[in-house]
Amino acid sequence: MQSTHESAAPSASTVTSELERQLQARDKTIDVLKRRIRQQGATNEASPFALLEQNISLNNVITRKTRELEAERQELQRALTELRSTQSQLLQAQKMESIGQLAAGIAHEINTPTQYVADNMDFIDKATGSLMSLLEETLKVLAAAHDGPPDAGLIASADALLKRTRLDYLRRQIPDALSQSKEGLAHIARIVSAMKAFSHPSRGEKEAVDVHELIDTTITVARSEWKYVAELETFFDDDLPQLPCQRDLIAQAILNLVVNAAHAVSDTLTQGEREKGRIEVSARRAGAQHIDICVTDDGAGMPDAVRERMYEPFFTTKPVGKGTGQGLSIVYSTVVDTHQGEILCESAPGEGTRFTMRLPLSDSAA
C-alpha cells in the first residue's frame, strides 16, 4: 500500500519543472506587455519631423477637399442660375401662352369699339360735307344781303339745302357720335395699356404695387373670357397698402384664377336655367402683416379627389385644348415658393369655389 501511495505523488523535480515553466510563461507575458507599452510610448511621443509630416499630409487633404467643395459650389451656383433663368423663361412663355389663348377675345374687344369709331367717323365725315355745303350757301346769302335784299331764288336754294341737310338731326347725332368715339378709343387705350402692363417682366425683383390697379388691369386683359358667362364685381378695402411683390407673377396668378372661375361658371350654364353666373374679385387686409386677394365663383365646385391634386403640374379636368394643367401649379409656386405666402381653397360640389392668395406685406411677415 505504501509503494502505491508514493508512486501517485509528483516528484520534486516534476514540481520544480512546472514552476519554472509557469515563471517563464509569466516572464514572456510581462515582456510582451512591456513591448506594447514601449510601442505605444513611441507612437505618442512622435518626433517633430513625424508631426510635421502628419500636418503637411493633413493640410494637403484639407486643400484638396476645399478645392473639391469649391468646384461643387460653383457647379451648384451655375445650376441654380440656369434654373432661375429657365423658370423666368417658362413664366414668360406661360404669359405669352395666356395672351395667345386670349388673343381672339382681345382682338374682338379691340375690334368692336374700332368698328363703331370707324362708323361714327364716316357719319361725321358725311355730316361735315353737308354742313360745309350749307355754310357755303349761307355765306352766299349773306354776301348778297350786303348789297341789298338777296335774290329770292338764292334764298329758296339755301332754304332747300337746309331742309336736305336735316340740321336738327345732325345737332343731336354729331355730339353722340363724338362721345361714343371717344369712349371707344378710351376702351382701346385701356386694353392696350393693360396688355402692356401685364406683359412687362419684373426681372425677378419685387416692387411696391397698387393691388387695386393690378387687379383692374388683369381683369381687363381677361375680359373676353368672363364677360359672356358672368357678371364680375370687384371689392377693395379702402386702406389697402401697396404690396411688395413681383408684379408679373401676381398678375399671372390672378389671371389664371379668373380664367378658371369663368370656365367653372361656363360649365354650369344650361339652356333656360340662367344666362350668366357671378365672379367676385376682392382684396382686403388680413391682419397687420398680410393682404388677401380672393377670386370667388358660383360654378360647379370641386370634389375632394380634384382638390387633392389641383396643384399638381399638368393635372387638369378640362378637355384637350382648353387647359394645360399649369394654371394652379403656377399660382401655388408664385404664392408659396416665390412670395412665401399661402394659397387657400374653399370648394364643394354645387357650391362654387373661392381661392385666396394670402401675401405678406414684408419679407419678415412671411
Protein backbone atom coordinates (compact mmCIF):
# COMPACT_ATOMS: atom_id res chain seq x y z
CA MET A 1 0.00 0.00 0.00
CA GLN A 2 2.89 2.34 0.82
CA SER A 3 4.56 1.88 -2.53
CA THR A 4 1.30 2.67 -4.30
CA HIS A 5 0.93 5.97 -2.43
CA GLU A 6 4.47 7.07 -3.25
CA SER A 7 4.08 6.36 -6.97
CA ALA A 8 0.97 8.61 -7.16
CA ALA A 9 2.68 11.69 -5.62
CA PRO A 10 4.64 14.00 -8.02
CA SER A 11 8.35 14.13 -7.61
CA ALA A 12 10.18 17.29 -6.55
CA SER A 13 11.80 17.61 -9.94
CA THR A 14 8.45 17.49 -11.65
CA VAL A 15 7.05 20.25 -9.44
CA THR A 16 10.14 22.36 -9.97
CA SER A 17 9.89 21.97 -13.76
CA GLU A 18 6.25 23.01 -13.72
CA LEU A 19 7.00 26.06 -11.60
CA GLU A 20 9.84 27.07 -13.93
CA ARG A 21 7.55 26.71 -16.93
CA GLN A 22 4.94 28.91 -15.31
CA LEU A 23 7.58 31.51 -14.39
CA GLN A 24 8.86 31.53 -17.95
CA ALA A 25 5.33 31.98 -19.27
CA ARG A 26 4.83 34.85 -16.83
CA ASP A 27 8.10 36.46 -17.91
CA LYS A 28 7.08 36.18 -21.58
CA THR A 29 3.74 37.81 -20.84
CA ILE A 30 5.50 40.63 -18.97
CA ASP A 31 7.91 41.11 -21.88
CA VAL A 32 5.02 41.31 -24.38
CA LEU A 33 3.27 43.87 -22.22
CA LYS A 34 6.47 45.89 -21.88
CA ARG A 35 6.96 45.89 -25.66
CA ARG A 36 3.40 47.07 -26.20
CA ILE A 37 3.88 49.87 -23.69
CA ARG A 38 7.10 50.93 -25.36
CA GLN A 39 5.42 50.88 -28.79
CA GLN A 40 2.54 53.00 -27.51
CA GLY A 41 5.01 55.41 -25.93
CA ALA A 42 6.91 55.68 -29.19
CA THR A 43 3.67 56.39 -31.04
CA ASN A 44 2.52 59.02 -28.54
CA GLU A 45 5.92 60.69 -28.44
CA ALA A 46 6.42 61.10 -32.20
CA SER A 47 9.33 63.15 -33.39
CA PRO A 48 8.82 66.76 -34.60
CA PHE A 49 9.58 65.59 -38.14
CA ALA A 50 6.84 62.95 -37.93
CA LEU A 51 4.41 65.58 -36.63
CA LEU A 52 5.40 67.90 -39.50
CA GLU A 53 4.75 65.14 -41.99
CA GLN A 54 1.37 64.49 -40.44
CA ASN A 55 0.47 68.20 -40.57
CA ILE A 56 1.57 68.51 -44.21
CA SER A 57 -0.45 65.44 -45.14
CA LEU A 58 -3.48 66.77 -43.27
CA ASN A 59 -3.11 70.19 -44.93
CA ASN A 60 -2.95 68.55 -48.35
CA VAL A 61 -6.13 66.63 -47.63
CA ILE A 62 -7.88 69.81 -46.44
CA THR A 63 -6.68 71.76 -49.50
CA ARG A 64 -7.89 69.03 -51.86
CA LYS A 65 -11.26 68.77 -50.16
CA THR A 66 -11.61 72.58 -50.18
CA ARG A 67 -10.98 72.67 -53.93
CA GLU A 68 -13.50 69.88 -54.47
CA LEU A 69 -16.11 71.67 -52.34
CA GLU A 70 -15.50 74.97 -54.16
CA ALA A 71 -15.87 73.24 -57.52
CA GLU A 72 -19.13 71.66 -56.32
CA ARG A 73 -20.33 75.05 -55.02
CA GLN A 74 -19.61 76.72 -58.35
CA GLU A 75 -21.37 73.91 -60.20
CA LEU A 76 -24.41 74.25 -57.93
CA GLN A 77 -24.35 78.03 -58.43
CA ARG A 78 -24.33 77.57 -62.21
CA ALA A 79 -27.17 75.07 -61.94
CA LEU A 80 -29.15 77.49 -59.74
CA THR A 81 -28.58 80.34 -62.19
CA GLU A 82 -29.70 78.16 -65.08
CA LEU A 83 -32.75 77.05 -63.09
CA ARG A 84 -33.75 80.63 -62.35
CA SER A 85 -33.27 81.56 -65.99
CA THR A 86 -35.36 78.58 -67.05
CA GLN A 87 -38.09 79.48 -64.55
CA SER A 88 -38.14 83.06 -65.87
CA GLN A 89 -38.36 81.80 -69.44
CA LEU A 90 -41.14 79.37 -68.50
CA LEU A 91 -43.08 82.15 -66.79
CA GLN A 92 -42.71 84.44 -69.80
CA ALA A 93 -43.74 81.55 -72.05
CA GLN A 94 -46.78 80.97 -69.84
CA LYS A 95 -47.71 84.65 -70.06
CA MET A 96 -47.34 84.59 -73.84
CA GLU A 97 -49.39 81.39 -73.95
CA SER A 98 -52.10 83.05 -71.86
CA ILE A 99 -52.09 86.07 -74.15
CA GLY A 100 -52.17 83.74 -77.15
CA GLN A 101 -55.19 81.91 -75.75
CA LEU A 102 -56.90 85.25 -75.07
CA ALA A 103 -55.84 86.73 -78.43
CA ALA A 104 -59.11 86.08 -80.24
CA GLY A 105 -61.16 87.60 -77.42
CA ILE A 106 -58.81 90.56 -77.07
CA ALA A 107 -58.95 91.14 -80.83
CA HIS A 108 -62.74 91.17 -80.58
CA GLU A 109 -62.58 93.55 -77.61
CA ILE A 110 -60.49 95.93 -79.70
CA ASN A 111 -62.36 95.36 -82.96
CA THR A 112 -65.81 96.20 -81.57
CA PRO A 113 -65.02 99.78 -80.47
CA THR A 114 -62.78 100.22 -83.51
CA GLN A 115 -65.73 99.36 -85.76
CA TYR A 116 -68.16 101.82 -84.22
CA VAL A 117 -65.46 104.51 -84.08
CA ALA A 118 -64.93 103.97 -87.80
CA ASP A 119 -68.70 104.08 -88.43
CA ASN A 120 -69.03 107.28 -86.40
CA MET A 121 -66.12 108.87 -88.26
CA ASP A 122 -67.79 108.02 -91.58
CA PHE A 123 -71.03 109.59 -90.34
CA ILE A 124 -69.24 112.71 -89.11
CA ASP A 125 -67.35 112.96 -92.41
CA LYS A 126 -70.61 112.96 -94.39
CA ALA A 127 -72.28 115.32 -91.92
CA THR A 128 -69.33 117.70 -92.21
CA GLY A 129 -69.69 117.69 -96.01
CA SER A 130 -73.39 118.58 -95.72
CA LEU A 131 -72.70 121.29 -93.17
CA MET A 132 -69.94 122.78 -95.31
CA SER A 133 -72.30 122.92 -98.31
CA LEU A 134 -74.96 124.60 -96.15
CA LEU A 135 -72.35 127.04 -94.86
CA GLU A 136 -71.33 127.99 -98.39
CA GLU A 137 -74.96 128.66 -99.36
CA THR A 138 -75.46 130.71 -96.23
CA LEU A 139 -72.36 132.77 -96.99
CA LYS A 140 -73.71 133.50 -100.46
CA VAL A 141 -76.94 134.77 -98.98
CA LEU A 142 -75.03 136.96 -96.50
CA ALA A 143 -72.79 138.32 -99.25
CA ALA A 144 -75.82 139.22 -101.35
CA ALA A 145 -77.52 140.83 -98.35
CA HIS A 146 -74.65 143.31 -98.04
CA ASP A 147 -75.58 144.78 -101.44
CA GLY A 148 -79.28 144.92 -100.76
CA PRO A 149 -82.16 142.46 -100.45
CA PRO A 150 -80.90 138.99 -101.58
CA ASP A 151 -82.37 137.36 -104.63
CA ALA A 152 -85.45 135.25 -103.91
CA GLY A 153 -84.01 132.35 -105.89
CA LEU A 154 -80.83 132.41 -103.81
CA ILE A 155 -82.84 132.31 -100.61
CA ALA A 156 -85.01 129.49 -101.93
CA SER A 157 -81.90 127.47 -102.86
CA ALA A 158 -80.41 127.94 -99.39
CA ASP A 159 -83.71 127.02 -97.75
CA ALA A 160 -83.99 123.81 -99.80
CA LEU A 161 -80.43 122.84 -98.89
CA LEU A 162 -81.17 123.48 -95.21
CA LYS A 163 -84.08 121.05 -95.35
CA ARG A 164 -82.00 118.40 -97.11
CA THR A 165 -79.23 118.79 -94.54
CA ARG A 166 -81.58 117.93 -91.64
CA LEU A 167 -79.76 120.30 -89.33
CA ASP A 168 -81.76 119.39 -86.22
CA TYR A 169 -80.88 115.70 -86.69
CA LEU A 170 -77.18 116.49 -87.09
CA ARG A 171 -77.25 118.67 -83.98
CA ARG A 172 -78.41 115.67 -81.97
CA GLN A 173 -76.32 112.94 -83.60
CA ILE A 174 -72.91 114.54 -84.03
CA PRO A 175 -72.28 115.02 -80.25
CA ASP A 176 -73.39 111.43 -79.59
CA ALA A 177 -71.11 110.12 -82.34
CA LEU A 178 -68.16 112.04 -80.95
CA SER A 179 -68.89 110.87 -77.40
CA GLN A 180 -69.14 107.22 -78.49
CA SER A 181 -65.93 107.54 -80.47
CA LYS A 182 -64.08 108.99 -77.51
CA GLU A 183 -65.40 106.20 -75.29
CA GLY A 184 -64.36 103.57 -77.84
CA LEU A 185 -60.86 104.99 -78.19
CA ALA A 186 -60.51 105.14 -74.40
CA HIS A 187 -61.58 101.48 -74.20
CA ILE A 188 -58.96 100.51 -76.79
CA ALA A 189 -56.34 102.51 -74.89
CA ARG A 190 -57.25 100.69 -71.65
CA ILE A 191 -56.88 97.30 -73.32
CA VAL A 192 -53.54 98.21 -74.89
CA SER A 193 -52.28 99.68 -71.61
CA ALA A 194 -53.43 96.61 -69.68
CA MET A 195 -51.72 94.31 -72.18
CA LYS A 196 -48.52 96.31 -71.94
CA ALA A 197 -48.56 96.29 -68.12
CA PHE A 198 -49.46 92.60 -67.97
CA SER A 199 -46.71 91.55 -70.39
CA HIS A 200 -43.95 93.61 -68.80
CA PRO A 201 -41.48 91.33 -66.94
CA SER A 202 -40.45 92.18 -63.37
CA ARG A 203 -36.96 90.69 -63.88
CA GLY A 204 -37.26 88.72 -60.66
CA GLU A 205 -37.36 91.82 -58.44
CA LYS A 206 -40.09 92.86 -56.03
CA GLU A 207 -41.66 96.30 -56.25
CA ALA A 208 -44.40 98.15 -54.39
CA VAL A 209 -47.62 97.50 -56.34
CA ASP A 210 -51.07 99.08 -56.19
CA VAL A 211 -53.25 95.99 -55.76
CA HIS A 212 -56.40 97.80 -56.95
CA GLU A 213 -54.73 98.82 -60.21
CA LEU A 214 -53.14 95.38 -60.66
CA ILE A 215 -56.49 93.60 -60.37
CA ASP A 216 -58.26 96.08 -62.68
CA THR A 217 -55.53 95.63 -65.30
CA THR A 218 -55.70 91.85 -65.12
CA ILE A 219 -59.49 91.55 -65.36
CA THR A 220 -59.37 93.92 -68.35
CA VAL A 221 -56.97 91.53 -70.09
CA ALA A 222 -59.25 88.58 -69.22
CA ARG A 223 -62.50 90.40 -70.08
CA SER A 224 -63.20 88.32 -73.18
CA GLU A 225 -63.13 85.16 -71.02
CA TRP A 226 -65.70 86.23 -68.44
CA LYS A 227 -67.98 88.90 -69.90
CA TYR A 228 -70.22 86.48 -71.80
CA VAL A 229 -70.62 83.97 -68.95
CA ALA A 230 -70.58 86.01 -65.72
CA GLU A 231 -71.11 89.34 -64.08
CA LEU A 232 -67.81 90.29 -62.46
CA GLU A 233 -67.65 92.52 -59.40
CA THR A 234 -64.65 93.84 -57.51
CA PHE A 235 -64.37 94.83 -53.86
CA PHE A 236 -61.42 96.56 -52.18
CA ASP A 237 -60.64 97.72 -48.66
CA ASP A 238 -60.29 101.49 -48.51
CA ASP A 239 -56.96 101.40 -46.68
CA LEU A 240 -55.11 98.85 -48.80
CA PRO A 241 -51.34 99.41 -48.60
CA GLN A 242 -49.06 98.77 -51.54
CA LEU A 243 -47.97 95.16 -51.87
CA PRO A 244 -44.26 94.29 -52.29
CA CYS A 245 -44.26 91.60 -54.97
CA GLN A 246 -43.12 90.54 -58.40
CA ARG A 247 -45.86 92.25 -60.35
CA ASP A 248 -45.93 89.99 -63.39
CA LEU A 249 -46.10 86.82 -61.28
CA ILE A 250 -49.04 88.03 -59.19
CA ALA A 251 -50.82 89.33 -62.30
CA GLN A 252 -50.41 85.92 -63.95
CA ALA A 253 -51.74 84.19 -60.82
CA ILE A 254 -54.83 86.45 -60.72
CA LEU A 255 -55.39 85.89 -64.45
CA ASN A 256 -55.23 82.11 -64.01
CA LEU A 257 -57.76 82.20 -61.16
CA VAL A 258 -60.16 84.49 -63.05
CA VAL A 259 -60.00 82.37 -66.22
CA ASN A 260 -60.54 79.21 -64.16
CA ALA A 261 -63.54 80.86 -62.48
CA ALA A 262 -65.00 81.82 -65.87
CA HIS A 263 -64.60 78.26 -67.14
CA ALA A 264 -66.19 76.87 -63.96
CA VAL A 265 -69.19 79.16 -64.38
CA SER A 266 -69.45 78.43 -68.11
CA ASP A 267 -69.72 74.71 -67.41
CA THR A 268 -72.88 75.31 -65.34
CA LEU A 269 -74.75 77.44 -67.85
CA THR A 270 -77.50 75.35 -69.41
CA GLN A 271 -80.35 76.29 -71.69
CA GLY A 272 -83.08 78.17 -69.83
CA GLU A 273 -81.69 77.96 -66.28
CA ARG A 274 -79.59 81.11 -66.17
CA GLU A 275 -77.80 83.29 -68.67
CA LYS A 276 -74.83 84.30 -66.54
CA GLY A 277 -73.09 83.36 -63.33
CA ARG A 278 -71.16 85.53 -60.90
CA ILE A 279 -67.47 86.11 -60.22
CA GLU A 280 -66.12 88.26 -57.41
CA VAL A 281 -62.55 89.52 -57.12
CA SER A 282 -61.62 91.22 -53.85
CA ALA A 283 -58.60 92.48 -51.94
CA ARG A 284 -58.59 93.14 -48.23
CA ARG A 285 -56.24 93.35 -45.26
CA ALA A 286 -55.65 90.09 -43.39
CA GLY A 287 -54.36 91.32 -40.05
CA ALA A 288 -51.43 93.70 -39.92
CA GLN A 289 -48.98 91.69 -41.99
CA HIS A 290 -50.88 90.25 -44.98
CA ILE A 291 -53.21 91.05 -47.87
CA ASP A 292 -55.81 88.56 -49.12
CA ILE A 293 -56.65 88.52 -52.84
CA CYS A 294 -59.75 86.37 -53.37
CA VAL A 295 -61.41 85.06 -56.53
CA THR A 296 -64.87 83.56 -55.94
CA ASP A 297 -67.25 81.96 -58.43
CA ASP A 298 -70.67 80.29 -58.28
CA GLY A 299 -69.66 77.48 -60.61
CA ALA A 300 -69.89 73.74 -60.09
CA GLY A 301 -67.28 73.48 -57.33
CA MET A 302 -64.74 70.68 -56.92
CA PRO A 303 -64.93 67.23 -55.32
CA ASP A 304 -62.25 66.17 -52.82
CA ALA A 305 -60.47 63.98 -55.39
CA VAL A 306 -59.84 67.01 -57.61
CA ARG A 307 -58.89 69.31 -54.74
CA GLU A 308 -56.21 66.86 -53.60
CA ARG A 309 -54.44 67.05 -56.97
CA MET A 310 -55.31 70.52 -58.26
CA TYR A 311 -51.82 71.99 -57.69
CA GLU A 312 -50.02 69.14 -59.45
CA PRO A 313 -48.28 70.23 -62.68
CA PHE A 314 -50.18 69.14 -65.81
CA PHE A 315 -53.19 67.89 -63.84
CA THR A 316 -56.40 69.16 -65.44
CA THR A 317 -60.06 68.21 -65.64
CA LYS A 318 -60.61 70.34 -68.74
CA PRO A 319 -60.95 68.85 -72.22
CA VAL A 320 -57.98 68.74 -74.59
CA GLY A 321 -57.21 72.19 -75.97
CA LYS A 322 -58.88 74.09 -73.14
CA GLY A 323 -56.41 73.51 -70.31
CA THR A 324 -52.75 72.62 -69.86
CA GLY A 325 -52.80 71.85 -66.13
CA GLN A 326 -50.27 74.63 -65.46
CA GLY A 327 -52.58 77.35 -64.14
CA LEU A 328 -52.98 76.37 -60.48
CA SER A 329 -49.46 74.94 -60.36
CA ILE A 330 -48.11 78.38 -61.29
CA VAL A 331 -50.43 80.05 -58.76
CA TYR A 332 -49.09 77.78 -55.99
CA SER A 333 -45.45 78.30 -56.97
CA THR A 334 -45.93 82.08 -57.20
CA VAL A 335 -47.69 82.49 -53.85
CA VAL A 336 -45.92 79.87 -51.71
CA ASP A 337 -42.44 79.42 -53.19
CA THR A 338 -41.69 82.90 -54.54
CA HIS A 339 -43.62 85.15 -52.12
CA GLN A 340 -43.70 82.90 -49.01
CA GLY A 341 -47.47 83.29 -48.76
CA GLU A 342 -50.41 80.89 -48.54
CA ILE A 343 -52.94 79.67 -51.08
CA LEU A 344 -56.29 78.67 -49.58
CA CYS A 345 -59.21 76.97 -51.30
CA GLU A 346 -62.83 76.57 -50.24
CA SER A 347 -64.90 74.45 -52.60
CA ALA A 348 -67.67 71.87 -52.64
CA PRO A 349 -69.68 70.34 -55.49
CA GLY A 350 -72.60 72.57 -56.39
CA GLU A 351 -71.46 75.43 -54.13
CA GLY A 352 -68.79 77.18 -56.18
CA THR A 353 -65.16 77.87 -55.31
CA ARG A 354 -63.15 80.53 -53.51
CA PHE A 355 -59.38 80.82 -53.90
CA THR A 356 -57.49 83.10 -51.52
CA MET A 357 -53.92 84.24 -52.10
CA ARG A 358 -52.57 85.42 -48.73
CA LEU A 359 -49.48 87.53 -49.43
CA PRO A 360 -47.09 89.07 -46.87
CA LEU A 361 -46.64 92.83 -46.73
CA SER A 362 -42.98 92.37 -45.86
CA ASP A 363 -40.35 89.65 -46.07
CA SER A 364 -40.28 89.37 -42.28
CA ALA A 365 -44.02 88.61 -42.26
CA ALA A 366 -43.59 85.54 -44.47
